[in-house]
Amino acid sequence: MDVERTIQFLLENQAGHDERLAKLETNVIRLATIAEMQIEAHALLTQEVREYFRRSDERQERADERQRLADERQKHSDERLDAVIVLFERFISGK
């Protein structure tokens, strides 16, 4: 009689372990799926950030070029103005 009860007890415990193991397996699969989604999201975010910085660098390069051209034009204008002032001063002084 004790053997039958022991076998029954072991079978019931085994069923409980099987149920918990199945739940654990389901949760591990869910976690793996979530981890894969997070990895994909991280890769996409990394790609987007790199693209953002690439575009920012391009915009900055264009802005730098515009500033360089503006500086050159200003320098040229300053030189022309200086030449006009020199001519005007010569005219005024009669030389």
PDB file of N, CA and C in Angstrom:
ATOM      1  N   MET A   1       0.817  -1.183   0.000  1.00  0.00           N
ATOM      2  CA  MET A   1       0.000   0.000   0.000  1.00  0.00           C
ATOM      3  C   MET A   1       0.867   1.254   0.000  1.00  0.00           C
ATOM      4  N   ASP A   2       1.933   1.272   0.787  1.00  0.00           N
ATOM      5  CA  ASP A   2       2.832   2.422   0.830  1.00  0.00           C
ATOM      6  C   ASP A   2       3.509   2.645  -0.519  1.00  0.00           C
ATOM      7  N   VAL A   3       3.783   1.592  -1.228  1.00  0.00           N
ATOM      8  CA  VAL A   3       4.424   1.707  -2.535  1.00  0.00           C
ATOM      9  C   VAL A   3       3.467   2.398  -3.506  1.00  0.00           C
ATOM     10  N   GLU A   4       2.196   2.014  -3.479  1.00  0.00           N
ATOM     11  CA  GLU A   4       1.218   2.638  -4.365  1.00  0.00           C
ATOM     12  C   GLU A   4       1.053   4.121  -4.044  1.00  0.00           C
ATOM     13  N   ARG A   5       1.006   4.457  -2.784  1.00  0.00           N
ATOM     14  CA  ARG A   5       0.895   5.864  -2.392  1.00  0.00           C
ATOM     15  C   ARG A   5       2.159   6.632  -2.763  1.00  0.00           C
ATOM     16  N   THR A   6       3.275   6.003  -2.615  1.00  0.00           N
ATOM     17  CA  THR A   6       4.541   6.653  -2.986  1.00  0.00           C
ATOM     18  C   THR A   6       4.575   6.910  -4.482  1.00  0.00           C
ATOM     19  N   ILE A   7       4.139   5.922  -5.272  1.00  0.00           N
ATOM     20  CA  ILE A   7       4.089   6.087  -6.730  1.00  0.00           C
ATOM     21  C   ILE A   7       3.105   7.186  -7.090  1.00  0.00           C
ATOM     22  N   GLN A   8       1.949   7.208  -6.467  1.00  0.00           N
ATOM     23  CA  GLN A   8       0.948   8.238  -6.710  1.00  0.00           C
ATOM     24  C   GLN A   8       1.523   9.606  -6.365  1.00  0.00           C
ATOM     25  N   PHE A   9       2.179   9.715  -5.219  1.00  0.00           N
ATOM     26  CA  PHE A   9       2.794  10.963  -4.788  1.00  0.00           C
ATOM     27  C   PHE A   9       3.841  11.438  -5.809  1.00  0.00           C
ATOM     28  N   LEU A  10       4.668  10.517  -6.270  1.00  0.00           N
ATOM     29  CA  LEU A  10       5.708  10.857  -7.242  1.00  0.00           C
ATOM     30  C   LEU A  10       5.101  11.312  -8.577  1.00  0.00           C
ATOM     31  N   LEU A  11       4.040  10.640  -8.997  1.00  0.00           N
ATOM     32  CA  LEU A  11       3.373  11.019 -10.247  1.00  0.00           C
ATOM     33  C   LEU A  11       2.750  12.414 -10.142  1.00  0.00           C
ATOM     34  N   GLU A  12       2.130  12.705  -8.996  1.00  0.00           N
ATOM     35  CA  GLU A  12       1.539  14.020  -8.792  1.00  0.00           C
ATOM     36  C   GLU A  12       2.619  15.108  -8.767  1.00  0.00           C
ATOM     37  N   ASN A  13       3.710  14.816  -8.086  1.00  0.00           N
ATOM     38  CA  ASN A  13       4.816  15.781  -8.057  1.00  0.00           C
ATOM     39  C   ASN A  13       5.400  15.979  -9.452  1.00  0.00           C
ATOM     40  N   GLN A  14       5.518  14.883 -10.201  1.00  0.00           N
ATOM     41  CA  GLN A  14       6.049  14.978 -11.558  1.00  0.00           C
ATOM     42  C   GLN A  14       5.150  15.847 -12.432  1.00  0.00           C
ATOM     43  N   ALA A  15       3.837  15.700 -12.268  1.00  0.00           N
ATOM     44  CA  ALA A  15       2.889  16.508 -13.047  1.00  0.00           C
ATOM     45  C   ALA A  15       3.063  17.996 -12.694  1.00  0.00           C
ATOM     46  N   GLY A  16       3.237  18.290 -11.431  1.00  0.00           N
ATOM     47  CA  GLY A  16       3.455  19.671 -11.007  1.00  0.00           C
ATOM     48  C   GLY A  16       4.754  20.225 -11.578  1.00  0.00           C
ATOM     49  N   HIS A  17       5.793  19.405 -11.557  1.00  0.00           N
ATOM     50  CA  HIS A  17       7.087  19.829 -12.121  1.00  0.00           C
ATOM     51  C   HIS A  17       6.965  20.055 -13.629  1.00  0.00           C
ATOM     52  N   ASP A  18       6.244  19.154 -14.287  1.00  0.00           N
ATOM     53  CA  ASP A  18       6.053  19.297 -15.735  1.00  0.00           C
ATOM     54  C   ASP A  18       5.312  20.594 -16.062  1.00  0.00           C
ATOM     55  N   GLU A  19       4.312  20.895 -15.261  1.00  0.00           N
ATOM     56  CA  GLU A  19       3.536  22.121 -15.485  1.00  0.00           C
ATOM     57  C   GLU A  19       4.421  23.357 -15.281  1.00  0.00           C
ATOM     58  N   ARG A  20       5.184  23.352 -14.187  1.00  0.00           N
ATOM     59  CA  ARG A  20       6.085  24.491 -13.937  1.00  0.00           C
ATOM     60  C   ARG A  20       7.159  24.591 -15.023  1.00  0.00           C
ATOM     61  N   LEU A  21       7.651  23.466 -15.467  1.00  0.00           N
ATOM     62  CA  LEU A  21       8.665  23.465 -16.525  1.00  0.00           C
ATOM     63  C   LEU A  21       8.085  24.011 -17.834  1.00  0.00           C
ATOM     64  N   ALA A  22       6.842  23.655 -18.126  1.00  0.00           N
ATOM     65  CA  ALA A  22       6.192  24.166 -19.337  1.00  0.00           C
ATOM     66  C   ALA A  22       6.004  25.681 -19.242  1.00  0.00           C
ATOM     67  N   LYS A  23       5.607  26.185 -18.071  1.00  0.00           N
ATOM     68  CA  LYS A  23       5.463  27.632 -17.886  1.00  0.00           C
ATOM     69  C   LYS A  23       6.819  28.336 -18.023  1.00  0.00           C
ATOM     70  N   LEU A  24       7.826  27.730 -17.432  1.00  0.00           N
ATOM     71  CA  LEU A  24       9.166  28.293 -17.522  1.00  0.00           C
ATOM     72  C   LEU A  24       9.644  28.330 -18.973  1.00  0.00           C
ATOM     73  N   GLU A  25       9.387  27.270 -19.700  1.00  0.00           N
ATOM     74  CA  GLU A  25       9.768  27.202 -21.108  1.00  0.00           C
ATOM     75  C   GLU A  25       9.054  28.296 -21.910  1.00  0.00           C
ATOM     76  N   THR A  26       7.758  28.484 -21.631  1.00  0.00           N
ATOM     77  CA  THR A  26       6.990  29.530 -22.305  1.00  0.00           C
ATOM     78  C   THR A  26       7.565  30.909 -22.003  1.00  0.00           C
ATOM     79  N   ASN A  27       7.904  31.144 -20.747  1.00  0.00           N
ATOM     80  CA  ASN A  27       8.469  32.439 -20.366  1.00  0.00           C
ATOM     81  C   ASN A  27       9.844  32.671 -20.997  1.00  0.00           C
ATOM     82  N   VAL A  28      10.651  31.621 -21.088  1.00  0.00           N
ATOM     83  CA  VAL A  28      11.968  31.756 -21.723  1.00  0.00           C
ATOM     84  C   VAL A  28      11.800  32.098 -23.206  1.00  0.00           C
ATOM     85  N   ILE A  29      10.837  31.483 -23.850  1.00  0.00           N
ATOM     86  CA  ILE A  29      10.574  31.785 -25.261  1.00  0.00           C
ATOM     87  C   ILE A  29      10.123  33.240 -25.403  1.00  0.00           C
ATOM     88  N   ARG A  30       9.254  33.683 -24.523  1.00  0.00           N
ATOM     89  CA  ARG A  30       8.806  35.091 -24.558  1.00  0.00           C
ATOM     90  C   ARG A  30       9.985  36.040 -24.355  1.00  0.00           C
ATOM     91  N   LEU A  31      10.821  35.738 -23.371  1.00  0.00           N
ATOM     92  CA  LEU A  31      11.979  36.585 -23.106  1.00  0.00           C
ATOM     93  C   LEU A  31      12.932  36.606 -24.298  1.00  0.00           C
ATOM     94  N   ALA A  32      13.124  35.469 -24.935  1.00  0.00           N
ATOM     95  CA  ALA A  32      13.992  35.421 -26.113  1.00  0.00           C
ATOM     96  C   ALA A  32      13.410  36.268 -27.238  1.00  0.00           C
ATOM     97  N   THR A  33      12.103  36.218 -27.410  1.00  0.00           N
ATOM     98  CA  THR A  33      11.443  37.031 -28.434  1.00  0.00           C
ATOM     99  C   THR A  33      11.604  38.515 -28.126  1.00  0.00           C
ATOM    100  N   ILE A  34      11.400  38.870 -26.879  1.00  0.00           N
ATOM    101  CA  ILE A  34      11.561  40.267 -26.470  1.00  0.00           C
ATOM    102  C   ILE A  34      13.013  40.707 -26.677  1.00  0.00           C
ATOM    103  N   ALA A  35      13.960  39.855 -26.319  1.00  0.00           N
ATOM    104  CA  ALA A  35      15.376  40.187 -26.505  1.00  0.00           C
ATOM    105  C   ALA A  35      15.690  40.401 -27.981  1.00  0.00           C
ATOM    106  N   GLU A  36      15.159  39.551 -28.834  1.00  0.00           N
ATOM    107  CA  GLU A  36      15.377  39.718 -30.278  1.00  0.00           C
ATOM    108  C   GLU A  36      14.787  41.034 -30.761  1.00  0.00           C
ATOM    109  N   MET A  37      13.605  41.368 -30.281  1.00  0.00           N
ATOM    110  CA  MET A  37      12.979  42.631 -30.674  1.00  0.00           C
ATOM    111  C   MET A  37      13.815  43.816 -30.192  1.00  0.00           C
ATOM    112  N   GLN A  38      14.351  43.713 -28.983  1.00  0.00           N
ATOM    113  CA  GLN A  38      15.186  44.786 -28.450  1.00  0.00           C
ATOM    114  C   GLN A  38      16.474  44.932 -29.260  1.00  0.00           C
ATOM    115  N   ILE A  39      17.052  43.830 -29.657  1.00  0.00           N
ATOM    116  CA  ILE A  39      18.268  43.863 -30.477  1.00  0.00           C
ATOM    117  C   ILE A  39      17.972  44.530 -31.816  1.00  0.00           C
ATOM    118  N   GLU A  40      16.857  44.167 -32.433  1.00  0.00           N
ATOM    119  CA  GLU A  40      16.469  44.778 -33.704  1.00  0.00           C
ATOM    120  C   GLU A  40      16.203  46.270 -33.534  1.00  0.00           C
ATOM    121  N   ALA A  41      15.521  46.636 -32.459  1.00  0.00           N
ATOM    122  CA  ALA A  41      15.228  48.045 -32.208  1.00  0.00           C
ATOM    123  C   ALA A  41      16.522  48.824 -31.969  1.00  0.00           C
ATOM    124  N   HIS A  42      17.427  48.226 -31.231  1.00  0.00           N
ATOM    125  CA  HIS A  42      18.718  48.879 -30.971  1.00  0.00           C
ATOM    126  C   HIS A  42      19.490  49.067 -32.272  1.00  0.00           C
ATOM    127  N   ALA A  43      19.497  48.061 -33.124  1.00  0.00           N
ATOM    128  CA  ALA A  43      20.195  48.168 -34.411  1.00  0.00           C
ATOM    129  C   ALA A  43      19.573  49.269 -35.265  1.00  0.00           C
ATOM    130  N   LEU A  44      18.255  49.332 -35.288  1.00  0.00           N
ATOM    131  CA  LEU A  44      17.570  50.368 -36.060  1.00  0.00           C
ATOM    132  C   LEU A  44      17.869  51.754 -35.496  1.00  0.00           C
ATOM    133  N   LEU A  45      17.822  51.885 -34.183  1.00  0.00           N
ATOM    134  CA  LEU A  45      18.124  53.161 -33.547  1.00  0.00           C
ATOM    135  C   LEU A  45      19.563  53.579 -33.833  1.00  0.00           C
ATOM    136  N   THR A  46      20.486  52.647 -33.750  1.00  0.00           N
ATOM    137  CA  THR A  46      21.884  52.944 -34.056  1.00  0.00           C
ATOM    138  C   THR A  46      22.029  53.435 -35.485  1.00  0.00           C
ATOM    139  N   GLN A  47      21.351  52.786 -36.404  1.00  0.00           N
ATOM    140  CA  GLN A  47      21.389  53.193 -37.805  1.00  0.00           C
ATOM    141  C   GLN A  47      20.809  54.600 -37.974  1.00  0.00           C
ATOM    142  N   GLU A  48      19.695  54.864 -37.321  1.00  0.00           N
ATOM    143  CA  GLU A  48      19.066  56.186 -37.412  1.00  0.00           C
ATOM    144  C   GLU A  48      19.973  57.271 -36.829  1.00  0.00           C
ATOM    145  N   VAL A  49      20.621  56.984 -35.707  1.00  0.00           N
ATOM    146  CA  VAL A  49      21.513  57.967 -35.086  1.00  0.00           C
ATOM    147  C   VAL A  49      22.704  58.241 -35.995  1.00  0.00           C
ATOM    148  N   ARG A  50      23.266  57.198 -36.581  1.00  0.00           N
ATOM    149  CA  ARG A  50      24.391  57.388 -37.513  1.00  0.00           C
ATOM    150  C   ARG A  50      23.964  58.246 -38.702  1.00  0.00           C
ATOM    151  N   GLU A  51      22.785  57.972 -39.230  1.00  0.00           N
ATOM    152  CA  GLU A  51      22.273  58.746 -40.362  1.00  0.00           C
ATOM    153  C   GLU A  51      22.055  60.210 -39.949  1.00  0.00           C
ATOM    154  N   TYR A  52      21.516  60.411 -38.761  1.00  0.00           N
ATOM    155  CA  TYR A  52      21.313  61.768 -38.256  1.00  0.00           C
ATOM    156  C   TYR A  52      22.634  62.527 -38.192  1.00  0.00           C
ATOM    157  N   PHE A  53      23.668  61.894 -37.631  1.00  0.00           N
ATOM    158  CA  PHE A  53      24.964  62.558 -37.525  1.00  0.00           C
ATOM    159  C   PHE A  53      25.600  62.770 -38.897  1.00  0.00           C
ATOM    160  N   ARG A  54      25.386  61.849 -39.820  1.00  0.00           N
ATOM    161  CA  ARG A  54      25.921  62.020 -41.171  1.00  0.00           C
ATOM    162  C   ARG A  54      25.285  63.251 -41.828  1.00  0.00           C
ATOM    163  N   ARG A  55      23.953  63.342 -41.704  1.00  0.00           N
ATOM    164  CA  ARG A  55      23.264  64.507 -42.272  1.00  0.00           C
ATOM    165  C   ARG A  55      23.678  65.788 -41.569  1.00  0.00           C
ATOM    166  N   SER A  56      23.856  65.730 -40.262  1.00  0.00           N
ATOM    167  CA  SER A  56      24.302  66.905 -39.513  1.00  0.00           C
ATOM    168  C   SER A  56      25.682  67.346 -39.980  1.00  0.00           C
ATOM    169  N   ASP A  57      26.572  66.388 -40.194  1.00  0.00           N
ATOM    170  CA  ASP A  57      27.912  66.713 -40.688  1.00  0.00           C
ATOM    171  C   ASP A  57      27.833  67.367 -42.066  1.00  0.00           C
ATOM    172  N   GLU A  58      26.980  66.834 -42.929  1.00  0.00           N
ATOM    173  CA  GLU A  58      26.828  67.422 -44.263  1.00  0.00           C
ATOM    174  C   GLU A  58      26.302  68.854 -44.176  1.00  0.00           C
ATOM    175  N   ARG A  59      25.307  69.069 -43.312  1.00  0.00           N
ATOM    176  CA  ARG A  59      24.775  70.421 -43.148  1.00  0.00           C
ATOM    177  C   ARG A  59      25.851  71.367 -42.616  1.00  0.00           C
ATOM    178  N   GLN A  60      26.636  70.881 -41.681  1.00  0.00           N
ATOM    179  CA  GLN A  60      27.694  71.718 -41.114  1.00  0.00           C
ATOM    180  C   GLN A  60      28.745  72.041 -42.175  1.00  0.00           C
ATOM    181  N   GLU A  61      29.078  71.066 -43.017  1.00  0.00           N
ATOM    182  CA  GLU A  61      30.037  71.316 -44.091  1.00  0.00           C
ATOM    183  C   GLU A  61      29.506  72.379 -45.059  1.00  0.00           C
ATOM    184  N   ARG A  62      28.227  72.292 -45.397  1.00  0.00           N
ATOM    185  CA  ARG A  62      27.631  73.300 -46.279  1.00  0.00           C
ATOM    186  C   ARG A  62      27.627  74.677 -45.614  1.00  0.00           C
ATOM    187  N   ALA A  63      27.313  74.711 -44.334  1.00  0.00           N
ATOM    188  CA  ALA A  63      27.312  75.981 -43.607  1.00  0.00           C
ATOM    189  C   ALA A  63      28.724  76.560 -43.546  1.00  0.00           C
ATOM    190  N   ASP A  64      29.709  75.710 -43.316  1.00  0.00           N
ATOM    191  CA  ASP A  64      31.099  76.169 -43.284  1.00  0.00           C
ATOM    192  C   ASP A  64      31.508  76.738 -44.637  1.00  0.00           C
ATOM    193  N   GLU A  65      31.102  76.076 -45.713  1.00  0.00           N
ATOM    194  CA  GLU A  65      31.431  76.550 -47.057  1.00  0.00           C
ATOM    195  C   GLU A  65      30.767  77.898 -47.330  1.00  0.00           C
ATOM    196  N   ARG A  66      29.496  78.030 -46.930  1.00  0.00           N
ATOM    197  CA  ARG A  66      28.806  79.319 -47.107  1.00  0.00           C
ATOM    198  C   ARG A  66      29.514  80.420 -46.319  1.00  0.00           C
ATOM    199  N   GLN A  67      29.938  80.107 -45.105  1.00  0.00           N
ATOM    200  CA  GLN A  67      30.640  81.092 -44.283  1.00  0.00           C
ATOM    201  C   GLN A  67      31.981  81.460 -44.912  1.00  0.00           C
ATOM    202  N   ARG A  68      32.690  80.479 -45.451  1.00  0.00           N
ATOM    203  CA  ARG A  68      33.972  80.744 -46.107  1.00  0.00           C
ATOM    204  C   ARG A  68      33.782  81.680 -47.292  1.00  0.00           C
ATOM    205  N   LEU A  69      32.745  81.410 -48.098  1.00  0.00           N
ATOM    206  CA  LEU A  69      32.462  82.272 -49.245  1.00  0.00           C
ATOM    207  C   LEU A  69      32.078  83.686 -48.794  1.00  0.00           C
ATOM    208  N   ALA A  70      31.279  83.778 -47.757  1.00  0.00           N
ATOM    209  CA  ALA A  70      30.880  85.095 -47.234  1.00  0.00           C
ATOM    210  C   ALA A  70      32.107  85.844 -46.720  1.00  0.00           C
ATOM    211  N   ASP A  71      33.009  85.145 -46.050  1.00  0.00           N
ATOM    212  CA  ASP A  71      34.234  85.776 -45.557  1.00  0.00           C
ATOM    213  C   ASP A  71      35.088  86.285 -46.715  1.00  0.00           C
ATOM    214  N   GLU A  72      35.177  85.478 -47.776  1.00  0.00           N
ATOM    215  CA  GLU A  72      35.945  85.903 -48.954  1.00  0.00           C
ATOM    216  C   GLU A  72      35.331  87.151 -49.583  1.00  0.00           C
ATOM    217  N   ARG A  73      34.010  87.169 -49.715  1.00  0.00           N
ATOM    218  CA  ARG A  73      33.338  88.334 -50.287  1.00  0.00           C
ATOM    219  C   ARG A  73      33.537  89.565 -49.406  1.00  0.00           C
ATOM    220  N   GLN A  74      33.456  89.368 -48.107  1.00  0.00           N
ATOM    221  CA  GLN A  74      33.666  90.486 -47.177  1.00  0.00           C
ATOM    222  C   GLN A  74      35.083  91.015 -47.297  1.00  0.00           C
ATOM    223  N   LYS A  75      36.047  90.109 -47.389  1.00  0.00           N
ATOM    224  CA  LYS A  75      37.444  90.521 -47.532  1.00  0.00           C
ATOM    225  C   LYS A  75      37.625  91.318 -48.830  1.00  0.00           C
ATOM    226  N   HIS A  76      37.043  90.805 -49.901  1.00  0.00           N
ATOM    227  CA  HIS A  76      37.136  91.503 -51.194  1.00  0.00           C
ATOM    228  C   HIS A  76      36.477  92.887 -51.106  1.00  0.00           C
ATOM    229  N   SER A  77      35.320  92.965 -50.485  1.00  0.00           N
ATOM    230  CA  SER A  77      34.629  94.253 -50.318  1.00  0.00           C
ATOM    231  C   SER A  77      35.463  95.209 -49.478  1.00  0.00           C
ATOM    232  N   ASP A  78      36.067  94.678 -48.403  1.00  0.00           N
ATOM    233  CA  ASP A  78      36.909  95.520 -47.545  1.00  0.00           C
ATOM    234  C   ASP A  78      38.101  96.062 -48.329  1.00  0.00           C
ATOM    235  N   GLU A  79      38.707  95.214 -49.150  1.00  0.00           N
ATOM    236  CA  GLU A  79      39.852  95.646 -49.956  1.00  0.00           C
ATOM    237  C   GLU A  79      39.432  96.736 -50.947  1.00  0.00           C
ATOM    238  N   ARG A  80      38.292  96.559 -51.586  1.00  0.00           N
ATOM    239  CA  ARG A  80      37.801  97.562 -52.530  1.00  0.00           C
ATOM    240  C   ARG A  80      37.487  98.867 -51.810  1.00  0.00           C
ATOM    241  N   LEU A  81      36.865  98.770 -50.639  1.00  0.00           N
ATOM    242  CA  LEU A  81      36.552  99.965 -49.863  1.00  0.00           C
ATOM    243  C   LEU A  81      37.830 100.685 -49.442  1.00  0.00           C
ATOM    244  N   ASP A  82      38.837  99.921 -49.010  1.00  0.00           N
ATOM    245  CA  ASP A  82      40.121 100.519 -48.638  1.00  0.00           C
ATOM    246  C   ASP A  82      40.730 101.251 -49.830  1.00  0.00           C
ATOM    247  N   ALA A  83      40.646 100.649 -51.018  1.00  0.00           N
ATOM    248  CA  ALA A  83      41.190 101.287 -52.222  1.00  0.00           C
ATOM    249  C   ALA A  83      40.441 102.572 -52.532  1.00  0.00           C
ATOM    250  N   VAL A  84      39.117 102.568 -52.376  1.00  0.00           N
ATOM    251  CA  VAL A  84      38.323 103.772 -52.618  1.00  0.00           C
ATOM    252  C   VAL A  84      38.706 104.861 -51.611  1.00  0.00           C
ATOM    253  N   ILE A  85      38.906 104.484 -50.357  1.00  0.00           N
ATOM    254  CA  ILE A  85      39.286 105.457 -49.323  1.00  0.00           C
ATOM    255  C   ILE A  85      40.645 106.077 -49.646  1.00  0.00           C
ATOM    256  N   VAL A  86      41.581 105.240 -50.069  1.00  0.00           N
ATOM    257  CA  VAL A  86      42.907 105.750 -50.441  1.00  0.00           C
ATOM    258  C   VAL A  86      42.772 106.728 -51.597  1.00  0.00           C
ATOM    259  N   LEU A  87      42.009 106.377 -52.612  1.00  0.00           N
ATOM    260  CA  LEU A  87      41.809 107.272 -53.754  1.00  0.00           C
ATOM    261  C   LEU A  87      41.136 108.569 -53.321  1.00  0.00           C
ATOM    262  N   PHE A  88      40.157 108.464 -52.456  1.00  0.00           N
ATOM    263  CA  PHE A  88      39.451 109.650 -51.979  1.00  0.00           C
ATOM    264  C   PHE A  88      40.402 110.553 -51.195  1.00  0.00           C
ATOM    265  N   GLU A  89      41.220 109.948 -50.328  1.00  0.00           N
ATOM    266  CA  GLU A  89      42.183 110.719 -49.547  1.00  0.00           C
ATOM    267  C   GLU A  89      43.178 111.412 -50.461  1.00  0.00           C
ATOM    268  N   ARG A  90      43.626 110.742 -51.532  1.00  0.00           N
ATOM    269  CA  ARG A  90      44.547 111.355 -52.485  1.00  0.00           C
ATOM    270  C   ARG A  90      43.851 112.517 -53.199  1.00  0.00           C
ATOM    271  N   PHE A  91      42.613 112.289 -53.530  1.00  0.00           N
ATOM    272  CA  PHE A  91      41.859 113.339 -54.222  1.00  0.00           C
ATOM    273  C   PHE A  91      41.713 114.559 -53.341  1.00  0.00           C
ATOM    274  N   ILE A  92      41.367 114.316 -52.072  1.00  0.00           N
ATOM    275  CA  ILE A  92      41.168 115.411 -51.126  1.00  0.00           C
ATOM    276  C   ILE A  92      42.486 116.158 -50.898  1.00  0.00           C
ATOM    277  N   SER A  93      43.552 115.412 -50.750  1.00  0.00           N
ATOM    278  CA  SER A  93      44.841 116.057 -50.460  1.00  0.00           C
ATOM    279  C   SER A  93      45.484 116.644 -51.708  1.00  0.00           C
ATOM    280  N   GLY A  94      44.970 116.287 -52.871  1.00  0.00           N
ATOM    281  CA  GLY A  94      45.479 116.839 -54.107  1.00  0.00           C
ATOM    282  C   GLY A  94      46.721 116.148 -54.624  1.00  0.00           C
ATOM    283  N   LYS A  95      47.041 115.019 -54.172  1.00  0.00           N
ATOM    284  CA  LYS A  95      48.237 114.292 -54.634  1.00  0.00           C
ATOM    285  C   LYS A  95      47.939 113.401 -55.771  1.00  0.00           C
TER     286      LYS A  95
END
